[in-house]
Amino acid sequence: AADAIVAVGTGVAGMREYRNDIRARATAAGRNPDDIKLMFCVPPVVAPTEEEARAEVQRLVSTDSYIEKQLVGISSNTEIDFKQ
């Protein structure tokens, strides 16, 4: 049974939904949901305005190397080689 979960953030609503699902599953399994630590990897994008930040995020996720770069970052944090 997991004591900690590292997940990729998908926006506030998506992260909240995931957290609620994990907590419900823990309760259903007879565990205290507060005993499971959930940590989201959230790379911030800083720009002068929210519109510019959203445009930059869209530019970043549209690149051919986006998925590979994300996997490298997750691999670095978890010491799991996702290239396999």
N, C-alpha and C. Protein backbone atom coordinates (compact mmCIF):
# COMPACT_ATOMS: atom_id res chain seq x y z
N ALA A 1 0.85 -1.19 0.00
CA ALA A 1 0.00 0.00 0.00
C ALA A 1 0.88 1.24 0.00
N ALA A 2 0.50 2.21 -0.77
CA ALA A 2 1.30 3.43 -0.91
C ALA A 2 1.10 4.35 0.29
N ASP A 3 2.20 4.94 0.74
CA ASP A 3 2.14 5.97 1.76
C ASP A 3 2.29 7.35 1.14
N ALA A 4 2.85 7.39 -0.08
CA ALA A 4 3.03 8.66 -0.78
C ALA A 4 2.83 8.43 -2.27
N ILE A 5 2.26 9.42 -2.91
CA ILE A 5 2.02 9.36 -4.35
C ILE A 5 2.53 10.66 -4.95
N VAL A 6 3.31 10.54 -6.02
CA VAL A 6 3.77 11.70 -6.78
C VAL A 6 3.03 11.68 -8.10
N ALA A 7 2.33 12.76 -8.41
CA ALA A 7 1.52 12.82 -9.62
C ALA A 7 1.82 14.11 -10.37
N VAL A 8 1.49 14.12 -11.63
CA VAL A 8 1.67 15.32 -12.46
C VAL A 8 0.40 16.16 -12.35
N GLY A 9 0.56 17.44 -12.05
CA GLY A 9 -0.58 18.34 -11.94
C GLY A 9 -1.26 18.57 -13.27
N THR A 10 -2.58 18.60 -13.24
CA THR A 10 -3.37 18.79 -14.46
C THR A 10 -4.33 19.95 -14.30
N GLY A 11 -3.95 20.93 -13.55
CA GLY A 11 -4.85 22.04 -13.24
C GLY A 11 -5.51 21.80 -11.90
N VAL A 12 -6.00 22.86 -11.30
CA VAL A 12 -6.56 22.78 -9.96
C VAL A 12 -7.71 21.79 -9.89
N ALA A 13 -8.64 21.87 -10.82
CA ALA A 13 -9.80 20.97 -10.80
C ALA A 13 -9.38 19.51 -10.97
N GLY A 14 -8.47 19.24 -11.89
CA GLY A 14 -8.00 17.88 -12.11
C GLY A 14 -7.26 17.32 -10.91
N MET A 15 -6.44 18.16 -10.27
CA MET A 15 -5.71 17.71 -9.08
C MET A 15 -6.67 17.44 -7.94
N ARG A 16 -7.67 18.29 -7.78
CA ARG A 16 -8.66 18.09 -6.72
C ARG A 16 -9.43 16.79 -6.96
N GLU A 17 -9.82 16.54 -8.20
CA GLU A 17 -10.55 15.32 -8.54
C GLU A 17 -9.69 14.08 -8.24
N TYR A 18 -8.42 14.14 -8.61
CA TYR A 18 -7.51 13.02 -8.36
C TYR A 18 -7.35 12.78 -6.86
N ARG A 19 -7.15 13.87 -6.11
CA ARG A 19 -7.01 13.75 -4.65
C ARG A 19 -8.26 13.13 -4.04
N ASN A 20 -9.43 13.59 -4.45
CA ASN A 20 -10.68 13.05 -3.91
C ASN A 20 -10.82 11.56 -4.23
N ASP A 21 -10.41 11.17 -5.43
CA ASP A 21 -10.46 9.76 -5.81
C ASP A 21 -9.52 8.92 -4.95
N ILE A 22 -8.31 9.40 -4.73
CA ILE A 22 -7.34 8.67 -3.90
C ILE A 22 -7.87 8.55 -2.48
N ARG A 23 -8.43 9.63 -1.95
CA ARG A 23 -8.96 9.60 -0.58
C ARG A 23 -10.12 8.61 -0.47
N ALA A 24 -11.00 8.59 -1.47
CA ALA A 24 -12.14 7.66 -1.46
C ALA A 24 -11.66 6.22 -1.53
N ARG A 25 -10.65 5.97 -2.36
CA ARG A 25 -10.11 4.61 -2.47
C ARG A 25 -9.45 4.17 -1.16
N ALA A 26 -8.75 5.10 -0.51
CA ALA A 26 -8.12 4.78 0.77
C ALA A 26 -9.18 4.41 1.80
N THR A 27 -10.23 5.21 1.87
CA THR A 27 -11.31 4.94 2.81
C THR A 27 -11.96 3.59 2.53
N ALA A 28 -12.20 3.30 1.24
CA ALA A 28 -12.81 2.03 0.85
C ALA A 28 -11.92 0.84 1.23
N ALA A 29 -10.61 1.08 1.27
CA ALA A 29 -9.66 0.02 1.62
C ALA A 29 -9.42 -0.05 3.13
N GLY A 30 -10.16 0.76 3.89
CA GLY A 30 -10.02 0.74 5.34
C GLY A 30 -8.85 1.54 5.87
N ARG A 31 -8.31 2.43 5.05
CA ARG A 31 -7.17 3.25 5.46
C ARG A 31 -7.63 4.66 5.78
N ASN A 32 -6.88 5.33 6.62
CA ASN A 32 -7.12 6.74 6.91
C ASN A 32 -6.56 7.54 5.73
N PRO A 33 -7.40 8.27 4.99
CA PRO A 33 -6.89 9.01 3.82
C PRO A 33 -5.83 10.05 4.17
N ASP A 34 -5.81 10.52 5.41
CA ASP A 34 -4.80 11.49 5.82
C ASP A 34 -3.41 10.87 5.94
N ASP A 35 -3.34 9.54 5.95
CA ASP A 35 -2.05 8.86 6.04
C ASP A 35 -1.34 8.77 4.69
N ILE A 36 -2.03 9.11 3.61
CA ILE A 36 -1.44 9.04 2.27
C ILE A 36 -1.07 10.46 1.84
N LYS A 37 0.19 10.66 1.58
CA LYS A 37 0.68 11.98 1.16
C LYS A 37 0.66 12.04 -0.36
N LEU A 38 0.01 13.04 -0.89
CA LEU A 38 -0.12 13.22 -2.33
C LEU A 38 0.62 14.50 -2.72
N MET A 39 1.60 14.35 -3.60
CA MET A 39 2.40 15.49 -4.04
C MET A 39 2.30 15.63 -5.55
N PHE A 40 1.98 16.83 -5.99
CA PHE A 40 1.87 17.08 -7.42
C PHE A 40 3.11 17.81 -7.92
N CYS A 41 3.62 17.37 -9.06
CA CYS A 41 4.70 18.08 -9.75
C CYS A 41 4.03 19.16 -10.60
N VAL A 42 4.27 20.39 -10.25
CA VAL A 42 3.63 21.50 -10.96
C VAL A 42 4.71 22.48 -11.39
N PRO A 43 5.06 22.48 -12.68
CA PRO A 43 6.06 23.44 -13.15
C PRO A 43 5.41 24.81 -13.38
N PRO A 44 5.81 25.81 -12.63
CA PRO A 44 5.19 27.13 -12.80
C PRO A 44 5.65 27.80 -14.09
N VAL A 45 4.75 28.56 -14.67
CA VAL A 45 5.08 29.40 -15.83
C VAL A 45 4.76 30.83 -15.41
N VAL A 46 5.78 31.67 -15.41
CA VAL A 46 5.62 33.05 -14.96
C VAL A 46 5.70 33.97 -16.16
N ALA A 47 4.74 34.89 -16.25
CA ALA A 47 4.69 35.86 -17.33
C ALA A 47 4.02 37.12 -16.79
N PRO A 48 4.16 38.23 -17.50
CA PRO A 48 3.55 39.49 -17.03
C PRO A 48 2.03 39.41 -16.83
N THR A 49 1.35 38.62 -17.66
CA THR A 49 -0.11 38.49 -17.53
C THR A 49 -0.50 37.01 -17.58
N GLU A 50 -1.70 36.71 -17.11
CA GLU A 50 -2.18 35.33 -17.18
C GLU A 50 -2.32 34.89 -18.64
N GLU A 51 -2.77 35.79 -19.49
CA GLU A 51 -2.93 35.46 -20.91
C GLU A 51 -1.59 35.06 -21.53
N GLU A 52 -0.54 35.81 -21.21
CA GLU A 52 0.79 35.48 -21.74
C GLU A 52 1.30 34.16 -21.16
N ALA A 53 1.02 33.91 -19.89
CA ALA A 53 1.44 32.65 -19.28
C ALA A 53 0.74 31.48 -19.94
N ARG A 54 -0.56 31.61 -20.19
CA ARG A 54 -1.30 30.53 -20.85
C ARG A 54 -0.79 30.31 -22.28
N ALA A 55 -0.45 31.38 -22.97
CA ALA A 55 0.10 31.26 -24.33
C ALA A 55 1.45 30.54 -24.29
N GLU A 56 2.26 30.84 -23.29
CA GLU A 56 3.56 30.18 -23.16
C GLU A 56 3.39 28.70 -22.85
N VAL A 57 2.44 28.36 -21.99
CA VAL A 57 2.17 26.94 -21.71
C VAL A 57 1.75 26.23 -22.98
N GLN A 58 0.88 26.86 -23.75
CA GLN A 58 0.43 26.24 -25.01
C GLN A 58 1.60 26.04 -25.97
N ARG A 59 2.50 27.02 -26.03
CA ARG A 59 3.67 26.89 -26.89
C ARG A 59 4.55 25.72 -26.42
N LEU A 60 4.75 25.63 -25.11
CA LEU A 60 5.60 24.57 -24.57
C LEU A 60 5.03 23.18 -24.82
N VAL A 61 3.74 23.00 -24.59
CA VAL A 61 3.14 21.67 -24.74
C VAL A 61 2.96 21.28 -26.19
N SER A 62 3.10 22.23 -27.10
CA SER A 62 2.94 21.94 -28.53
C SER A 62 4.23 21.47 -29.19
N THR A 63 5.34 21.50 -28.47
CA THR A 63 6.61 21.09 -29.06
C THR A 63 6.70 19.57 -29.16
N ASP A 64 7.48 19.11 -30.12
CA ASP A 64 7.67 17.67 -30.32
C ASP A 64 8.36 17.01 -29.13
N SER A 65 9.16 17.77 -28.40
CA SER A 65 9.95 17.19 -27.31
C SER A 65 9.25 17.29 -25.95
N TYR A 66 8.04 17.80 -25.90
CA TYR A 66 7.36 18.05 -24.62
C TYR A 66 7.26 16.78 -23.76
N ILE A 67 6.74 15.70 -24.32
CA ILE A 67 6.54 14.47 -23.55
C ILE A 67 7.89 13.95 -23.03
N GLU A 68 8.90 13.94 -23.91
CA GLU A 68 10.21 13.45 -23.49
C GLU A 68 10.77 14.28 -22.34
N LYS A 69 10.64 15.60 -22.43
CA LYS A 69 11.14 16.47 -21.36
C LYS A 69 10.39 16.22 -20.05
N GLN A 70 9.10 15.99 -20.13
CA GLN A 70 8.32 15.70 -18.92
C GLN A 70 8.78 14.39 -18.28
N LEU A 71 9.02 13.38 -19.11
CA LEU A 71 9.47 12.09 -18.58
C LEU A 71 10.86 12.20 -17.96
N VAL A 72 11.73 13.01 -18.54
CA VAL A 72 13.06 13.23 -17.97
C VAL A 72 12.92 13.86 -16.58
N GLY A 73 12.04 14.86 -16.47
CA GLY A 73 11.82 15.51 -15.18
C GLY A 73 11.27 14.56 -14.14
N ILE A 74 10.30 13.76 -14.52
CA ILE A 74 9.71 12.80 -13.59
C ILE A 74 10.75 11.75 -13.21
N SER A 75 11.53 11.30 -14.18
CA SER A 75 12.59 10.33 -13.90
C SER A 75 13.58 10.89 -12.88
N SER A 76 13.92 12.15 -13.03
CA SER A 76 14.85 12.80 -12.12
C SER A 76 14.30 12.82 -10.70
N ASN A 77 13.02 13.09 -10.57
CA ASN A 77 12.40 13.18 -9.24
C ASN A 77 12.18 11.82 -8.60
N THR A 78 11.93 10.81 -9.40
CA THR A 78 11.54 9.50 -8.86
C THR A 78 12.64 8.44 -8.95
N GLU A 79 13.70 8.73 -9.71
CA GLU A 79 14.77 7.77 -9.97
C GLU A 79 14.26 6.52 -10.69
N ILE A 80 13.19 6.70 -11.47
CA ILE A 80 12.65 5.64 -12.31
C ILE A 80 12.94 6.02 -13.76
N ASP A 81 13.51 5.10 -14.53
CA ASP A 81 13.84 5.38 -15.92
C ASP A 81 12.61 5.14 -16.80
N PHE A 82 11.97 6.22 -17.22
CA PHE A 82 10.77 6.11 -18.04
C PHE A 82 11.07 5.95 -19.53
N LYS A 83 12.35 5.86 -19.90
CA LYS A 83 12.70 5.62 -21.31
C LYS A 83 12.43 4.18 -21.71
N GLN A 84 12.28 3.31 -20.75
CA GLN A 84 12.10 1.88 -21.04
C GLN A 84 10.74 1.61 -21.62
